[in-house]
Structures are given as structure tokens and as C-alpha cells.
Amino acid sequence: MVMPALPKEASLAREQVELVIGHLQITLAQYDQTPGFERQEAEDFRDLAATVVSLAKGGSSTTATVDALQKALDASIDLAALEQTAVIQKALDDVLIALEADGTCEAQSAVRTRVLEVAAHRADVDRRWFSLMGFDPEIVEKMSAQAATAS
């Protein structure tokens, strides 16, 4: 064991060892749930991309990137979840940049609204996922309150 070998005055080293142990415990606790988390993330981005394809209207840049986004959606369907997410995020980024350049005001507004809704949802999912680390007491309280009302 590492801790007994460290002198008591090596507080930084002890803290780092405790952090590593904590991260290993979290990794073990989440190991079985990781594929589901990754699939959910990919599904969320696939849904967002499909919505953006239907909402994004504009000039030639927007049209080209929307076509590329649709192709990315189609081509990525059989990829692993993390790869799907990466491919779709890149294509989504390109559409957002193009929308800013030559998208219609209505499309910019509609896409922005949907992106922010999904971002809020993903932030909540991610905060819950990383709640085991204990760095976000607000989400732990929220989860506890929801569990209490569900009982």
C-alpha cells in the first residue's frame, strides 16, 4: 500500500494518492454503466442533428453543411457510440458556423434554441454521471430530493 509508505508531512502526495483511489473507485462503480451512458449521449446528438437538419435553412454554406450533416448521420449509424458522437459533433459544429455566416434569422434562432435545450439536458446528465466525484454538491442535493419524492 502506498499511504503507509508516505511520511505524514507529505500532505500533497497523500492528497494525490487519495484522489487516485477515489477516481479508481468511481471508475469501478461506473464501469458497467459506461456503454449505456455513451449510447445515450450518441442518441442525444443524433436527435439534435436530425432536428438541425430539419431546421437549418440558408445560403450555400448552410445547405452544404446540412447535407454533410445528413451524410454523417447516415454514415455513422453503425459506428460505436463514441465514434458516432464525435462524427456528429464535428458535422454539427460545421452547420452552426455556416448558419452564422449565411443562415436565415429564423433558422439561427430555432437551431440556437434547440442546441441550448440539448446542452442543458446533457449538462444535467453529465453532472449526474460525475456526481460520485463529489465536486458538485448542488446536483447531489437535487438527486437526493428527487429520490425522496420518488419514494
Protein backbone atom coordinates (compact mmCIF):
# COMPACT_ATOMS: atom_id res chain seq x y z
CA MET A 1 0.00 0.00 0.00
CA VAL A 2 1.27 3.48 -0.84
CA MET A 3 -0.20 5.53 2.01
CA PRO A 4 1.73 3.88 4.87
CA ALA A 5 4.98 4.47 2.98
CA LEU A 6 4.36 8.22 2.73
CA PRO A 7 5.59 10.43 5.55
CA LYS A 8 2.84 12.28 7.44
CA GLU A 9 4.22 15.66 6.34
CA ALA A 10 3.82 14.72 2.63
CA SER A 11 0.29 16.12 2.55
CA LEU A 12 0.26 16.87 -1.18
CA ALA A 13 1.40 13.34 -2.03
CA ARG A 14 -1.21 11.89 0.33
CA GLU A 15 -3.90 14.04 -1.25
CA GLN A 16 -2.89 12.90 -4.74
CA VAL A 17 -2.99 9.24 -3.69
CA GLU A 18 -6.46 9.78 -2.21
CA LEU A 19 -7.61 11.38 -5.47
CA VAL A 20 -6.30 8.44 -7.49
CA ILE A 21 -8.02 5.98 -5.16
CA GLY A 22 -11.25 7.98 -5.44
CA HIS A 23 -11.08 8.01 -9.22
CA LEU A 24 -10.46 4.26 -9.30
CA GLN A 25 -13.48 3.69 -7.05
CA ILE A 26 -15.64 5.86 -9.32
CA THR A 27 -14.37 4.05 -12.40
CA LEU A 28 -15.24 0.69 -10.86
CA ALA A 29 -18.68 1.93 -9.81
CA GLN A 30 -19.49 3.23 -13.31
CA TYR A 31 -17.75 0.58 -15.41
CA ASP A 32 -20.86 -1.46 -16.22
CA GLN A 33 -22.94 1.65 -16.92
CA THR A 34 -20.47 3.32 -19.29
CA PRO A 35 -21.73 1.76 -22.55
CA GLY A 36 -25.28 2.90 -21.76
CA PHE A 37 -24.07 6.40 -20.93
CA GLU A 38 -22.16 6.56 -24.23
CA ARG A 39 -25.18 5.26 -26.19
CA GLN A 40 -27.46 7.84 -24.59
CA GLU A 41 -25.02 10.61 -25.49
CA ALA A 42 -24.84 9.39 -29.10
CA GLU A 43 -28.65 9.20 -29.28
CA ASP A 44 -28.97 12.72 -27.89
CA PHE A 45 -26.58 14.04 -30.54
CA ARG A 46 -28.27 12.02 -33.30
CA ASP A 47 -31.63 13.52 -32.27
CA LEU A 48 -30.15 17.01 -32.18
CA ALA A 49 -28.55 16.53 -35.59
CA ALA A 50 -31.82 15.32 -37.12
CA THR A 51 -33.58 18.37 -35.71
CA VAL A 52 -30.87 20.70 -37.01
CA VAL A 53 -31.15 19.11 -40.47
CA SER A 54 -34.86 19.95 -40.48
CA LEU A 55 -34.46 23.48 -39.08
CA ALA A 56 -31.30 24.84 -40.71
CA LYS A 57 -32.07 26.96 -43.76
CA GLY A 58 -29.91 29.47 -45.53
CA GLY A 59 -27.40 30.05 -48.28
CA SER A 60 -24.93 27.76 -49.96
CA SER A 61 -22.70 27.26 -46.89
CA THR A 62 -25.63 26.26 -44.72
CA THR A 63 -27.06 23.99 -47.40
CA ALA A 64 -23.72 22.25 -47.96
CA THR A 65 -23.08 21.67 -44.26
CA VAL A 66 -26.63 20.44 -43.68
CA ASP A 67 -26.13 17.93 -46.49
CA ALA A 68 -22.83 16.89 -44.90
CA LEU A 69 -24.55 16.54 -41.51
CA GLN A 70 -27.20 14.26 -43.03
CA LYS A 71 -24.45 12.17 -44.63
CA ALA A 72 -22.65 12.00 -41.27
CA LEU A 73 -25.86 10.81 -39.62
CA ASP A 74 -26.35 8.12 -42.25
CA ALA A 75 -22.70 7.02 -42.35
CA SER A 76 -22.23 6.88 -38.57
CA ILE A 77 -25.21 4.69 -37.70
CA ASP A 78 -23.12 1.51 -37.37
CA LEU A 79 -20.18 3.11 -35.54
CA ALA A 80 -19.53 2.68 -31.84
CA ALA A 81 -21.31 5.27 -29.71
CA LEU A 82 -18.23 7.41 -29.00
CA GLU A 83 -17.31 7.48 -32.69
CA GLN A 84 -20.88 8.40 -33.65
CA THR A 85 -20.85 11.26 -31.20
CA ALA A 86 -17.51 12.57 -32.49
CA VAL A 87 -18.56 12.42 -36.16
CA ILE A 88 -21.91 14.07 -35.49
CA GLN A 89 -20.46 16.77 -33.23
CA LYS A 90 -17.96 17.77 -35.93
CA ALA A 91 -20.68 17.97 -38.59
CA LEU A 92 -22.95 19.90 -36.19
CA ASP A 93 -20.17 22.40 -35.48
CA ASP A 94 -19.79 22.98 -39.21
CA VAL A 95 -23.52 23.67 -39.58
CA LEU A 96 -23.51 26.10 -36.66
CA ILE A 97 -20.63 28.05 -38.22
CA ALA A 98 -22.35 28.08 -41.62
CA LEU A 99 -25.65 29.19 -40.09
CA GLU A 100 -23.89 32.16 -38.57
CA ALA A 101 -22.45 33.05 -41.98
CA ASP A 102 -25.50 32.66 -44.22
CA GLY A 103 -28.38 31.08 -42.32
CA THR A 104 -31.79 32.69 -42.12
CA CYS A 105 -32.59 34.57 -38.92
CA GLU A 106 -35.44 32.15 -38.22
CA ALA A 107 -33.18 29.13 -38.65
CA GLN A 108 -30.47 30.65 -36.48
CA SER A 109 -32.97 31.30 -33.71
CA ALA A 110 -34.65 27.89 -33.93
CA VAL A 111 -31.36 25.98 -34.02
CA ARG A 112 -29.88 28.07 -31.20
CA THR A 113 -32.93 27.35 -29.03
CA ARG A 114 -32.72 23.61 -29.67
CA VAL A 115 -28.94 23.47 -29.14
CA LEU A 116 -29.31 25.24 -25.79
CA GLU A 117 -32.10 22.85 -24.72
CA VAL A 118 -29.95 19.83 -25.54
CA ALA A 119 -26.92 21.43 -23.89
CA ALA A 120 -28.90 21.93 -20.67
CA HIS A 121 -30.08 18.32 -20.80
CA ARG A 122 -26.55 17.00 -21.46
CA ALA A 123 -25.13 19.16 -18.68
CA ASP A 124 -27.64 17.65 -16.25
CA VAL A 125 -26.85 14.10 -17.43
CA ASP A 126 -23.10 14.76 -17.17
CA ARG A 127 -23.43 16.35 -13.74
CA ARG A 128 -25.31 13.28 -12.51
CA TRP A 129 -22.72 10.97 -14.08
CA PHE A 130 -19.84 12.76 -12.36
CA SER A 131 -21.72 13.28 -9.07
CA LEU A 132 -19.80 10.40 -7.50
CA MET A 133 -16.73 12.63 -7.50
CA GLY A 134 -18.44 14.91 -5.00
CA PHE A 135 -17.34 18.15 -6.66
CA ASP A 136 -20.90 19.31 -7.37
CA PRO A 137 -22.91 19.34 -4.13
CA GLU A 138 -25.87 21.02 -5.85
CA ILE A 139 -26.53 18.02 -8.13
CA VAL A 140 -26.16 15.60 -5.21
CA GLU A 141 -28.82 17.58 -3.31
CA LYS A 142 -31.05 17.64 -6.39
CA MET A 143 -30.69 13.88 -6.88
CA SER A 144 -31.41 13.24 -3.19
CA ALA A 145 -34.53 15.41 -3.32
CA GLN A 146 -35.76 13.63 -6.45
CA ALA A 147 -35.13 10.24 -4.87
CA ALA A 148 -37.05 11.29 -1.75
CA THR A 149 -40.08 12.44 -3.76
CA ALA A 150 -39.98 9.26 -5.87
CA SER A 151 -40.20 7.08 -2.72
